[in-house]
C-alpha atoms as a PDB file:
ATOM      1  CA  UNK A   1      24.211 -10.810 -32.332  1.00  0.00           C
ATOM      2  CA  UNK A   2      27.901 -10.170 -31.991  1.00  0.00           C
ATOM      3  CA  UNK A   3      29.224  -9.184 -28.590  1.00  0.00           C
ATOM      4  CA  UNK A   4      31.321  -6.084 -28.059  1.00  0.00           C
ATOM      5  CA  UNK A   5      32.992  -4.636 -24.968  1.00  0.00           C
ATOM      6  CA  UNK A   6      32.910  -1.017 -23.855  1.00  0.00           C
ATOM      7  CA  UNK A   7      34.669   0.808 -21.048  1.00  0.00           C
ATOM      8  CA  UNK A   8      32.146   2.120 -18.529  1.00  0.00           C
ATOM      9  CA  UNK A   9      32.831   5.549 -16.938  1.00  0.00           C
ATOM     10  CA  UNK A  10      33.430   3.746 -13.644  1.00  0.00           C
ATOM     11  CA  UNK A  11      36.407   1.984 -15.238  1.00  0.00           C
ATOM     12  CA  UNK A  12      34.759  -1.434 -15.473  1.00  0.00           C
ATOM     13  CA  UNK A  13      34.235  -3.402 -18.627  1.00  0.00           C
ATOM     14  CA  UNK A  14      30.668  -3.368 -19.891  1.00  0.00           C
ATOM     15  CA  UNK A  15      29.404  -6.037 -22.275  1.00  0.00           C
ATOM     16  CA  UNK A  16      26.875  -5.174 -24.923  1.00  0.00           C
ATOM     17  CA  UNK A  17      25.112  -7.163 -27.620  1.00  0.00           C
ATOM     18  CA  UNK A  18      23.634 -10.442 -26.461  1.00  0.00           C
ATOM     19  CA  UNK A  19      24.141  -9.601 -22.753  1.00  0.00           C
ATOM     20  CA  UNK A  20      22.067  -6.438 -23.221  1.00  0.00           C
ATOM     21  CA  UNK A  21      19.363  -8.428 -24.985  1.00  0.00           C
ATOM     22  CA  UNK A  22      19.101 -10.992 -22.172  1.00  0.00           C
ATOM     23  CA  UNK A  23      19.299  -8.229 -19.553  1.00  0.00           C
ATOM     24  CA  UNK A  24      16.154  -6.562 -20.900  1.00  0.00           C
ATOM     25  CA  UNK A  25      14.207  -9.808 -20.535  1.00  0.00           C
ATOM     26  CA  UNK A  26      15.510 -10.459 -17.017  1.00  0.00           C
ATOM     27  CA  UNK A  27      14.285  -6.997 -15.989  1.00  0.00           C
ATOM     28  CA  UNK A  28      10.946  -7.615 -17.712  1.00  0.00           C
ATOM     29  CA  UNK A  29      10.505 -10.978 -15.969  1.00  0.00           C
ATOM     30  CA  UNK A  30      11.278  -9.427 -12.583  1.00  0.00           C
ATOM     31  CA  UNK A  31       8.745  -6.652 -13.287  1.00  0.00           C
ATOM     32  CA  UNK A  32       6.167  -9.265 -14.330  1.00  0.00           C
ATOM     33  CA  UNK A  33       6.425 -10.831 -10.876  1.00  0.00           C
ATOM     34  CA  UNK A  34       5.603  -7.435  -9.337  1.00  0.00           C
ATOM     35  CA  UNK A  35       2.293  -7.689 -11.185  1.00  0.00           C
ATOM     36  CA  UNK A  36       1.132 -10.551  -8.965  1.00  0.00           C
ATOM     37  CA  UNK A  37       1.738  -8.478  -5.823  1.00  0.00           C
ATOM     38  CA  UNK A  38      -1.950  -7.496  -5.298  1.00  0.00           C
ATOM     39  CA  UNK A  39      -2.892 -11.184  -5.013  1.00  0.00           C
ATOM     40  CA  UNK A  40      -1.169 -11.245  -1.627  1.00  0.00           C
ATOM     41  CA  UNK A  41      -1.165  -7.616  -0.475  1.00  0.00           C
ATOM     42  CA  UNK A  42      -4.934  -7.042  -0.680  1.00  0.00           C
ATOM     43  CA  UNK A  43      -5.637  -9.914   1.740  1.00  0.00           C
ATOM     44  CA  UNK A  44      -2.850  -8.812   4.075  1.00  0.00           C
ATOM     45  CA  UNK A  45      -4.331  -5.314   4.323  1.00  0.00           C
ATOM     46  CA  UNK A  46      -7.350  -6.833   6.098  1.00  0.00           C
ATOM     47  CA  UNK A  47      -5.172  -7.637   9.125  1.00  0.00           C
ATOM     48  CA  UNK A  48      -2.033  -5.457   8.895  1.00  0.00           C
ATOM     49  CA  UNK A  49      -1.133  -1.865   8.112  1.00  0.00           C
ATOM     50  CA  UNK A  50       1.037  -0.929   5.141  1.00  0.00           C
ATOM     51  CA  UNK A  51       4.125  -0.478   7.338  1.00  0.00           C
ATOM     52  CA  UNK A  52       3.570  -3.767   9.150  1.00  0.00           C
ATOM     53  CA  UNK A  53       3.261  -5.697   5.874  1.00  0.00           C
ATOM     54  CA  UNK A  54       6.508  -4.275   4.501  1.00  0.00           C
ATOM     55  CA  UNK A  55       8.324  -4.812   7.832  1.00  0.00           C
ATOM     56  CA  UNK A  56       7.310  -8.480   8.132  1.00  0.00           C
ATOM     57  CA  UNK A  57       8.197  -9.036   4.485  1.00  0.00           C
ATOM     58  CA  UNK A  58      11.722  -7.687   5.032  1.00  0.00           C
ATOM     59  CA  UNK A  59      12.180  -9.708   8.235  1.00  0.00           C
ATOM     60  CA  UNK A  60      11.375 -12.898   6.317  1.00  0.00           C
ATOM     61  CA  UNK A  61      13.873 -11.911   3.622  1.00  0.00           C
ATOM     62  CA  UNK A  62      16.701 -11.860   6.180  1.00  0.00           C
ATOM     63  CA  UNK A  63      16.814 -15.639   5.663  1.00  0.00           C
ATOM     64  CA  UNK A  64      18.300 -14.865   2.251  1.00  0.00           C
ATOM     65  CA  UNK A  65      20.106 -11.599   2.982  1.00  0.00           C
ATOM     66  CA  UNK A  66      22.259 -12.546   5.999  1.00  0.00           C
ATOM     67  CA  UNK A  67      24.048 -15.562   4.410  1.00  0.00           C
ATOM     68  CA  UNK A  68      24.616 -13.655   1.161  1.00  0.00           C
ATOM     69  CA  UNK A  69      26.138 -10.660   2.937  1.00  0.00           C
ATOM     70  CA  UNK A  70      28.460 -12.967   4.886  1.00  0.00           C
ATOM     71  CA  UNK A  71      29.596 -14.804   1.751  1.00  0.00           C
ATOM     72  CA  UNK A  72      30.079 -11.562  -0.204  1.00  0.00           C
ATOM     73  CA  UNK A  73      31.456  -9.457   2.673  1.00  0.00           C
ATOM     74  CA  UNK A  74      34.598  -8.544   0.703  1.00  0.00           C
ATOM     75  CA  UNK A  75      32.446  -6.539  -1.711  1.00  0.00           C
ATOM     76  CA  UNK A  76      31.455  -4.209   1.124  1.00  0.00           C
ATOM     77  CA  UNK A  77      34.987  -2.907   1.574  1.00  0.00           C
ATOM     78  CA  UNK A  78      36.006   0.417   0.119  1.00  0.00           C
ATOM     79  CA  UNK A  79      32.532   1.751  -0.666  1.00  0.00           C
ATOM     80  CA  UNK A  80      32.599   5.382  -1.799  1.00  0.00           C
ATOM     81  CA  UNK A  81      30.167   8.011  -0.557  1.00  0.00           C
ATOM     82  CA  UNK A  82      28.153   7.729  -3.772  1.00  0.00           C
ATOM     83  CA  UNK A  83      27.714   3.998  -3.184  1.00  0.00           C
ATOM     84  CA  UNK A  84      26.494   4.572   0.389  1.00  0.00           C
ATOM     85  CA  UNK A  85      24.040   7.253  -0.783  1.00  0.00           C
ATOM     86  CA  UNK A  86      22.814   5.004  -3.598  1.00  0.00           C
ATOM     87  CA  UNK A  87      22.313   2.171  -1.093  1.00  0.00           C
ATOM     88  CA  UNK A  88      20.301   4.408   1.239  1.00  0.00           C
ATOM     89  CA  UNK A  89      18.187   5.541  -1.695  1.00  0.00           C
ATOM     90  CA  UNK A  90      17.231   2.051  -2.903  1.00  0.00           C
ATOM     91  CA  UNK A  91      16.758   0.586   0.604  1.00  0.00           C
ATOM     92  CA  UNK A  92      15.066   3.465   2.427  1.00  0.00           C
ATOM     93  CA  UNK A  93      13.471   5.102  -0.587  1.00  0.00           C
ATOM     94  CA  UNK A  94      12.759   2.240  -2.993  1.00  0.00           C
ATOM     95  CA  UNK A  95      12.348  -0.716  -0.663  1.00  0.00           C
ATOM     96  CA  UNK A  96      10.734   0.923   2.397  1.00  0.00           C
ATOM     97  CA  UNK A  97       9.127   4.310   1.784  1.00  0.00           C
ATOM     98  CA  UNK A  98       7.965   3.703  -1.811  1.00  0.00           C
ATOM     99  CA  UNK A  99       6.404   0.345  -0.935  1.00  0.00           C
ATOM    100  CA  UNK A 100       4.567   1.847   2.042  1.00  0.00           C
ATOM    101  CA  UNK A 101       3.360   4.769  -0.108  1.00  0.00           C
ATOM    102  CA  UNK A 102       2.188   2.444  -2.904  1.00  0.00           C
ATOM    103  CA  UNK A 103       0.379   0.132  -0.470  1.00  0.00           C
ATOM    104  CA  UNK A 104      -1.283   3.096   1.255  1.00  0.00           C
ATOM    105  CA  UNK A 105      -2.358   4.538  -2.097  1.00  0.00           C
ATOM    106  CA  UNK A 106      -4.123   1.278  -2.960  1.00  0.00           C
ATOM    107  CA  UNK A 107      -5.695   1.075   0.486  1.00  0.00           C
ATOM    108  CA  UNK A 108      -7.250   4.572   0.438  1.00  0.00           C
ATOM    109  CA  UNK A 109      -7.434   5.679  -3.188  1.00  0.00           C
ATOM    110  CA  UNK A 110      -8.842   4.877  -6.603  1.00  0.00           C
ATOM    111  CA  UNK A 111      -6.847   1.904  -8.022  1.00  0.00           C
ATOM    112  CA  UNK A 112      -7.070   3.240 -11.585  1.00  0.00           C
ATOM    113  CA  UNK A 113      -5.619   6.610 -10.566  1.00  0.00           C
ATOM    114  CA  UNK A 114      -2.821   4.842  -8.672  1.00  0.00           C
ATOM    115  CA  UNK A 115      -1.944   2.721 -11.721  1.00  0.00           C
ATOM    116  CA  UNK A 116      -2.027   5.699 -14.077  1.00  0.00           C
ATOM    117  CA  UNK A 117       0.359   7.730 -11.953  1.00  0.00           C
ATOM    118  CA  UNK A 118       2.833   4.831 -11.907  1.00  0.00           C
ATOM    119  CA  UNK A 119       3.319   5.498 -15.648  1.00  0.00           C
ATOM    120  CA  UNK A 120       5.424   8.500 -14.583  1.00  0.00           C
ATOM    121  CA  UNK A 121       8.142   6.164 -13.260  1.00  0.00           C
ATOM    122  CA  UNK A 122      10.102   5.872 -16.568  1.00  0.00           C
ATOM    123  CA  UNK A 123      10.233   9.649 -16.878  1.00  0.00           C
ATOM    124  CA  UNK A 124      11.849  10.013 -13.440  1.00  0.00           C
ATOM    125  CA  UNK A 125      14.317   7.213 -14.207  1.00  0.00           C
ATOM    126  CA  UNK A 126      15.314   8.519 -17.652  1.00  0.00           C
ATOM    127  CA  UNK A 127      15.958  12.036 -16.365  1.00  0.00           C
ATOM    128  CA  UNK A 128      18.099  10.737 -13.481  1.00  0.00           C
ATOM    129  CA  UNK A 129      19.966   8.309 -15.753  1.00  0.00           C
ATOM    130  CA  UNK A 130      20.868  11.168 -18.060  1.00  0.00           C
ATOM    131  CA  UNK A 131      21.987  13.439 -15.200  1.00  0.00           C
ATOM    132  CA  UNK A 132      23.759  10.899 -12.961  1.00  0.00           C
ATOM    133  CA  UNK A 133      24.917   8.078 -15.259  1.00  0.00           C
ATOM    134  CA  UNK A 134      25.352  10.259 -18.379  1.00  0.00           C
ATOM    135  CA  UNK A 135      23.565   7.632 -20.437  1.00  0.00           C
ATOM    136  CA  UNK A 136      23.201   8.288 -24.143  1.00  0.00           C
ATOM    137  CA  UNK A 137      19.974   7.219 -25.782  1.00  0.00           C
ATOM    138  CA  UNK A 138      19.612   5.762 -29.304  1.00  0.00           C
ATOM    139  CA  UNK A 139      17.683   7.624 -31.990  1.00  0.00           C
ATOM    140  CA  UNK A 140      14.628   5.363 -31.679  1.00  0.00           C
ATOM    141  CA  UNK A 141      14.361   5.708 -27.899  1.00  0.00           C
ATOM    142  CA  UNK A 142      11.787   8.563 -27.823  1.00  0.00           C
ATOM    143  CA  UNK A 143       9.540   6.504 -30.114  1.00  0.00           C
ATOM    144  CA  UNK A 144       9.907   3.447 -27.865  1.00  0.00           C
ATOM    145  CA  UNK A 145       9.104   5.591 -24.811  1.00  0.00           C
ATOM    146  CA  UNK A 146       5.896   6.883 -26.385  1.00  0.00           C
ATOM    147  CA  UNK A 147       4.985   3.343 -27.454  1.00  0.00           C
ATOM    148  CA  UNK A 148       5.523   2.035 -23.917  1.00  0.00           C
ATOM    149  CA  UNK A 149       3.512   4.800 -22.232  1.00  0.00           C
ATOM    150  CA  UNK A 150       0.759   4.496 -24.820  1.00  0.00           C
ATOM    151  CA  UNK A 151       0.581   0.736 -24.375  1.00  0.00           C
ATOM    152  CA  UNK A 152       0.307   0.944 -20.596  1.00  0.00           C
ATOM    153  CA  UNK A 153      -2.388   3.625 -20.864  1.00  0.00           C
ATOM    154  CA  UNK A 154      -4.451   1.435 -23.206  1.00  0.00           C
ATOM    155  CA  UNK A 155      -3.982  -1.510 -20.861  1.00  0.00           C
ATOM    156  CA  UNK A 156      -5.345   0.443 -17.921  1.00  0.00           C
ATOM    157  CA  UNK A 157      -8.025   2.672 -19.415  1.00  0.00           C
ATOM    158  CA  UNK A 158      -8.550   1.837 -23.108  1.00  0.00           C
ATOM    159  CA  UNK A 159      -9.722   4.916 -25.008  1.00  0.00           C
ATOM    160  CA  UNK A 160     -11.625   6.269 -22.004  1.00  0.00           C
ATOM    161  CA  UNK A 161     -10.603   9.106 -19.711  1.00  0.00           C
ATOM    162  CA  UNK A 162      -8.671   7.792 -16.699  1.00  0.00           C
ATOM    163  CA  UNK A 163     -10.716   9.383 -13.914  1.00  0.00           C
ATOM    164  CA  UNK A 164     -14.030  11.107 -13.565  1.00  0.00           C
ATOM    165  CA  UNK A 165     -12.570  14.297 -12.104  1.00  0.00           C
ATOM    166  CA  UNK A 166      -9.214  15.878 -11.388  1.00  0.00           C
ATOM    167  CA  UNK A 167      -9.967  15.734  -7.662  1.00  0.00           C
ATOM    168  CA  UNK A 168      -8.720  12.118  -7.647  1.00  0.00           C
ATOM    169  CA  UNK A 169      -5.258  13.311  -8.630  1.00  0.00           C
ATOM    170  CA  UNK A 170      -5.254  15.912  -5.858  1.00  0.00           C
ATOM    171  CA  UNK A 171      -6.184  13.326  -3.244  1.00  0.00           C
ATOM    172  CA  UNK A 172      -3.618  11.936  -0.829  1.00  0.00           C
ATOM    173  CA  UNK A 173      -3.597   8.618  -2.703  1.00  0.00           C
ATOM    174  CA  UNK A 174      -2.515  10.400  -5.890  1.00  0.00           C
ATOM    175  CA  UNK A 175       0.365  12.155  -4.146  1.00  0.00           C
ATOM    176  CA  UNK A 176       1.429   8.881  -2.534  1.00  0.00           C
ATOM    177  CA  UNK A 177       1.448   7.165  -5.930  1.00  0.00           C
ATOM    178  CA  UNK A 178       3.530   9.927  -7.541  1.00  0.00           C
ATOM    179  CA  UNK A 179       6.014   9.725  -4.657  1.00  0.00           C
ATOM    180  CA  UNK A 180       6.311   5.953  -5.085  1.00  0.00           C
ATOM    181  CA  UNK A 181       6.863   6.351  -8.841  1.00  0.00           C
ATOM    182  CA  UNK A 182       9.634   8.907  -8.275  1.00  0.00           C
ATOM    183  CA  UNK A 183      11.403   6.748  -5.672  1.00  0.00           C
ATOM    184  CA  UNK A 184      11.168   3.570  -7.752  1.00  0.00           C
ATOM    185  CA  UNK A 185      12.349   5.390 -10.873  1.00  0.00           C
ATOM    186  CA  UNK A 186      15.306   6.779  -8.952  1.00  0.00           C
ATOM    187  CA  UNK A 187      16.024   3.345  -7.464  1.00  0.00           C
ATOM    188  CA  UNK A 188      16.549   1.970 -10.976  1.00  0.00           C
ATOM    189  CA  UNK A 189      19.344   4.489 -11.510  1.00  0.00           C
ATOM    190  CA  UNK A 190      20.864   4.082  -8.041  1.00  0.00           C
ATOM    191  CA  UNK A 191      20.781   0.311  -8.408  1.00  0.00           C
ATOM    192  CA  UNK A 192      22.818   0.682 -11.607  1.00  0.00           C
ATOM    193  CA  UNK A 193      25.376   2.740  -9.656  1.00  0.00           C
ATOM    194  CA  UNK A 194      25.771  -0.070  -7.081  1.00  0.00           C
ATOM    195  CA  UNK A 195      25.990  -2.790  -9.745  1.00  0.00           C
ATOM    196  CA  UNK A 196      29.175  -1.158 -11.041  1.00  0.00           C
ATOM    197  CA  UNK A 197      30.702  -2.026  -7.643  1.00  0.00           C
ATOM    198  CA  UNK A 198      29.181  -5.369  -6.533  1.00  0.00           C
ATOM    199  CA  UNK A 199      27.232  -8.423  -7.671  1.00  0.00           C
ATOM    200  CA  UNK A 200      23.462  -8.335  -8.090  1.00  0.00           C
ATOM    201  CA  UNK A 201      22.948 -10.852  -5.250  1.00  0.00           C
ATOM    202  CA  UNK A 202      24.746  -8.486  -2.857  1.00  0.00           C
ATOM    203  CA  UNK A 203      22.730  -5.455  -3.978  1.00  0.00           C
ATOM    204  CA  UNK A 204      19.496  -7.393  -3.394  1.00  0.00           C
ATOM    205  CA  UNK A 205      20.569  -8.477   0.109  1.00  0.00           C
ATOM    206  CA  UNK A 206      21.693  -4.961   1.052  1.00  0.00           C
ATOM    207  CA  UNK A 207      18.415  -3.478  -0.156  1.00  0.00           C
ATOM    208  CA  UNK A 208      16.425  -5.713   2.185  1.00  0.00           C
ATOM    209  CA  UNK A 209      18.740  -5.418   5.207  1.00  0.00           C
ATOM    210  CA  UNK A 210      19.367  -1.664   5.197  1.00  0.00           C
ATOM    211  CA  UNK A 211      15.652  -0.914   4.955  1.00  0.00           C
ATOM    212  CA  UNK A 212      14.918  -2.561   8.326  1.00  0.00           C
ATOM    213  CA  UNK A 213      15.903   0.302  10.714  1.00  0.00           C
ATOM    214  CA  UNK A 214      13.613   2.724   8.897  1.00  0.00           C
ATOM    215  CA  UNK A 215      10.795   0.147   8.754  1.00  0.00           C
ATOM    216  CA  UNK A 216      11.044  -0.516  12.508  1.00  0.00           C
ATOM    217  CA  UNK A 217      10.925   3.232  13.202  1.00  0.00           C
ATOM    218  CA  UNK A 218       7.992   3.800  10.837  1.00  0.00           C
ATOM    219  CA  UNK A 219       5.970   0.929  12.290  1.00  0.00           C
ATOM    220  CA  UNK A 220       6.663   2.051  15.872  1.00  0.00           C
ATOM    221  CA  UNK A 221       5.716   5.678  15.161  1.00  0.00           C
ATOM    222  CA  UNK A 222       2.562   4.521  13.400  1.00  0.00           C
ATOM    223  CA  UNK A 223       1.432   3.047  16.711  1.00  0.00           C
ATOM    224  CA  UNK A 224      -1.227   0.715  15.308  1.00  0.00           C
ATOM    225  CA  UNK A 225      -1.661  -2.599  17.095  1.00  0.00           C
ATOM    226  CA  UNK A 226      -1.513  -5.887  15.266  1.00  0.00           C
ATOM    227  CA  UNK A 227      -4.961  -7.169  14.339  1.00  0.00           C
ATOM    228  CA  UNK A 228      -4.068 -10.818  14.084  1.00  0.00           C
ATOM    229  CA  UNK A 229      -6.632 -13.399  12.945  1.00  0.00           C
ATOM    230  CA  UNK A 230      -8.309 -15.690  15.457  1.00  0.00           C
ATOM    231  CA  UNK A 231      -9.078 -18.932  13.625  1.00  0.00           C
ATOM    232  CA  UNK A 232      -6.517 -21.442  12.378  1.00  0.00           C
ATOM    233  CA  UNK A 233      -7.691 -21.030   8.781  1.00  0.00           C
ATOM    234  CA  UNK A 234      -7.185 -17.269   8.875  1.00  0.00           C
ATOM    235  CA  UNK A 235      -3.753 -17.740  10.479  1.00  0.00           C
ATOM    236  CA  UNK A 236      -2.761 -20.120   7.700  1.00  0.00           C
ATOM    237  CA  UNK A 237      -4.000 -17.712   5.034  1.00  0.00           C
ATOM    238  CA  UNK A 238      -2.158 -14.750   6.576  1.00  0.00           C
ATOM    239  CA  UNK A 239       1.158 -16.570   7.057  1.00  0.00           C
ATOM    240  CA  UNK A 240       0.949 -18.190   3.608  1.00  0.00           C
ATOM    241  CA  UNK A 241       0.339 -14.863   1.905  1.00  0.00           C
ATOM    242  CA  UNK A 242       3.230 -13.246   3.786  1.00  0.00           C
ATOM    243  CA  UNK A 243       5.608 -16.030   2.726  1.00  0.00           C
ATOM    244  CA  UNK A 244       4.508 -15.915  -0.910  1.00  0.00           C
ATOM    245  CA  UNK A 245       4.625 -12.113  -0.925  1.00  0.00           C
ATOM    246  CA  UNK A 246       8.195 -12.145   0.349  1.00  0.00           C
ATOM    247  CA  UNK A 247       9.371 -14.974  -1.918  1.00  0.00           C
ATOM    248  CA  UNK A 248       7.842 -14.074  -5.296  1.00  0.00           C
ATOM    249  CA  UNK A 249       7.220 -10.328  -5.800  1.00  0.00           C
ATOM    250  CA  UNK A 250       9.798  -9.695  -3.053  1.00  0.00           C
ATOM    251  CA  UNK A 251      12.942 -11.819  -3.410  1.00  0.00           C
ATOM    252  CA  UNK A 252      12.714 -13.607  -6.768  1.00  0.00           C
ATOM    253  CA  UNK A 253      11.557 -10.521  -8.644  1.00  0.00           C
ATOM    254  CA  UNK A 254      14.481  -8.402  -7.384  1.00  0.00           C
ATOM    255  CA  UNK A 255      17.059 -11.111  -8.070  1.00  0.00           C
ATOM    256  CA  UNK A 256      15.880 -11.294 -11.682  1.00  0.00           C
ATOM    257  CA  UNK A 257      15.605  -7.516 -11.883  1.00  0.00           C
ATOM    258  CA  UNK A 258      19.118  -6.751 -10.629  1.00  0.00           C
ATOM    259  CA  UNK A 259      20.547  -9.619 -12.692  1.00  0.00           C
ATOM    260  CA  UNK A 260      19.155  -7.902 -15.773  1.00  0.00           C
ATOM    261  CA  UNK A 261      20.010  -4.380 -14.661  1.00  0.00           C
ATOM    262  CA  UNK A 262      23.674  -5.342 -14.222  1.00  0.00           C
ATOM    263  CA  UNK A 263      24.010  -5.501 -18.023  1.00  0.00           C
ATOM    264  CA  UNK A 264      21.363  -2.975 -19.078  1.00  0.00           C
ATOM    265  CA  UNK A 265      21.141   0.796 -19.177  1.00  0.00           C
ATOM    266  CA  UNK A 266      18.848   2.220 -16.507  1.00  0.00           C
ATOM    267  CA  UNK A 267      16.888   4.147 -19.141  1.00  0.00           C
ATOM    268  CA  UNK A 268      16.274   0.883 -21.034  1.00  0.00           C
ATOM    269  CA  UNK A 269      15.434  -1.091 -17.897  1.00  0.00           C
ATOM    270  CA  UNK A 270      12.782   1.370 -16.771  1.00  0.00           C
ATOM    271  CA  UNK A 271      10.789   0.709 -19.959  1.00  0.00           C
ATOM    272  CA  UNK A 272      11.091  -3.048 -19.475  1.00  0.00           C
ATOM    273  CA  UNK A 273       9.571  -2.518 -16.021  1.00  0.00           C
ATOM    274  CA  UNK A 274       6.302  -1.504 -17.689  1.00  0.00           C
ATOM    275  CA  UNK A 275       5.530  -5.188 -18.074  1.00  0.00           C
ATOM    276  CA  UNK A 276       4.377  -4.827 -14.446  1.00  0.00           C
ATOM    277  CA  UNK A 277       1.006  -3.171 -15.269  1.00  0.00           C
ATOM    278  CA  UNK A 278       0.535  -5.542 -18.200  1.00  0.00           C
ATOM    279  CA  UNK A 279       0.680  -8.514 -15.851  1.00  0.00           C
ATOM    280  CA  UNK A 280      -1.533  -6.631 -13.396  1.00  0.00           C
ATOM    281  CA  UNK A 281      -4.270  -6.405 -16.023  1.00  0.00           C
ATOM    282  CA  UNK A 282      -3.839 -10.110 -16.804  1.00  0.00           C
ATOM    283  CA  UNK A 283      -4.217 -10.959 -13.107  1.00  0.00           C
ATOM    284  CA  UNK A 284      -7.385  -8.850 -12.930  1.00  0.00           C
ATOM    285  CA  UNK A 285      -8.775 -10.833 -15.852  1.00  0.00           C
ATOM    286  CA  UNK A 286      -7.831 -14.300 -14.601  1.00  0.00           C
ATOM    287  CA  UNK A 287      -8.479 -13.856 -10.880  1.00  0.00           C
ATOM    288  CA  UNK A 288     -10.962 -11.019 -10.496  1.00  0.00           C
ATOM    289  CA  UNK A 289     -12.951 -11.734 -13.682  1.00  0.00           C
ATOM    290  CA  UNK A 290     -12.419  -8.309 -15.213  1.00  0.00           C
ATOM    291  CA  UNK A 291     -12.922  -8.452 -18.976  1.00  0.00           C
ATOM    292  CA  UNK A 292      -9.931  -7.856 -21.242  1.00  0.00           C
ATOM    293  CA  UNK A 293     -10.988  -5.662 -24.171  1.00  0.00           C
ATOM    294  CA  UNK A 294      -9.645  -5.483 -27.706  1.00  0.00           C
ATOM    295  CA  UNK A 295      -8.043  -2.130 -26.883  1.00  0.00           C
ATOM    296  CA  UNK A 296      -6.178  -3.707 -23.951  1.00  0.00           C
ATOM    297  CA  UNK A 297      -4.903  -6.430 -26.271  1.00  0.00           C
ATOM    298  CA  UNK A 298      -3.499  -3.658 -28.470  1.00  0.00           C
ATOM    299  CA  UNK A 299      -1.786  -2.273 -25.367  1.00  0.00           C
ATOM    300  CA  UNK A 300      -0.251  -5.702 -24.671  1.00  0.00           C
ATOM    301  CA  UNK A 301       1.062  -5.896 -28.241  1.00  0.00           C
ATOM    302  CA  UNK A 302       2.537  -2.397 -28.057  1.00  0.00           C
ATOM    303  CA  UNK A 303       4.459  -3.262 -24.875  1.00  0.00           C
ATOM    304  CA  UNK A 304       5.766  -6.554 -26.276  1.00  0.00           C
ATOM    305  CA  UNK A 305       6.780  -4.868 -29.546  1.00  0.00           C
ATOM    306  CA  UNK A 306       8.579  -2.176 -27.523  1.00  0.00           C
ATOM    307  CA  UNK A 307      10.406  -4.803 -25.428  1.00  0.00           C
ATOM    308  CA  UNK A 308      11.497  -6.718 -28.533  1.00  0.00           C
ATOM    309  CA  UNK A 309      12.899  -3.597 -30.191  1.00  0.00           C
ATOM    310  CA  UNK A 310      14.457  -2.390 -26.942  1.00  0.00           C
ATOM    311  CA  UNK A 311      16.322  -5.678 -26.536  1.00  0.00           C
ATOM    312  CA  UNK A 312      17.894  -5.175 -29.980  1.00  0.00           C
ATOM    313  CA  UNK A 313      19.243  -1.718 -29.217  1.00  0.00           C
ATOM    314  CA  UNK A 314      22.983  -1.312 -28.592  1.00  0.00           C
END
């Protein structure tokens, strides 16, 4: 595909063509790593609260964030108010509050209802991208959106109704899941705002670092004591899961995600993020022995077909 160059409203040059194609797949790969998150988080919830898990994860990620911020410190000069607000949104909203809400929803609610409500995330992101970034969508985009939402629904529920009664949506876990979807959808757009100003490595480091004050305050106000394991085996399992949680669905996923988002429209990226539930279903099949049905395979194919066509859009 031939490359072309456009002038972004911010004044920066924006590459399209092959860079857009690769950007979609970087975002999708980062989202796929989010799908392995329950492998670590479910075990951690046996010993730690939601806030404690997210706090320890961010403390471990300082090993990456501090050197990067020092090396890229020149990029922090001259930030406009909109950049500061966008940073607070992705760090406090997307990295801290949304993660706590999502973890709490899984801890106290129906997992299927939580997954279903996460399908609202693209809708929040697309609306904000249109209002804030003034993104224009291609003619086929509504069809791709319906294909993506349909594919993720089939992956999660097949042809069956999602929940037995509407009371599950009214529960606290449902509200927590909707809040997480809104914050993560908005974080896609706000991340795109920051990537017009700085490199994706810097955005990732800032997201982790700026979330810490709020995480310390949340954990302190929560007041729950640490319920640390006693035996050496349990200590090894807890520390190993924390490290893997921070490294894979934490650091590596966001580096890939922001690398892709730097050359991709936010409204496109939010559909690529739907690879997350697809991988979640695959993990359930491989690890938790949940059968993958023919209908779920159709859902997989719909998502992959959507991603392929999305990567070819200009």
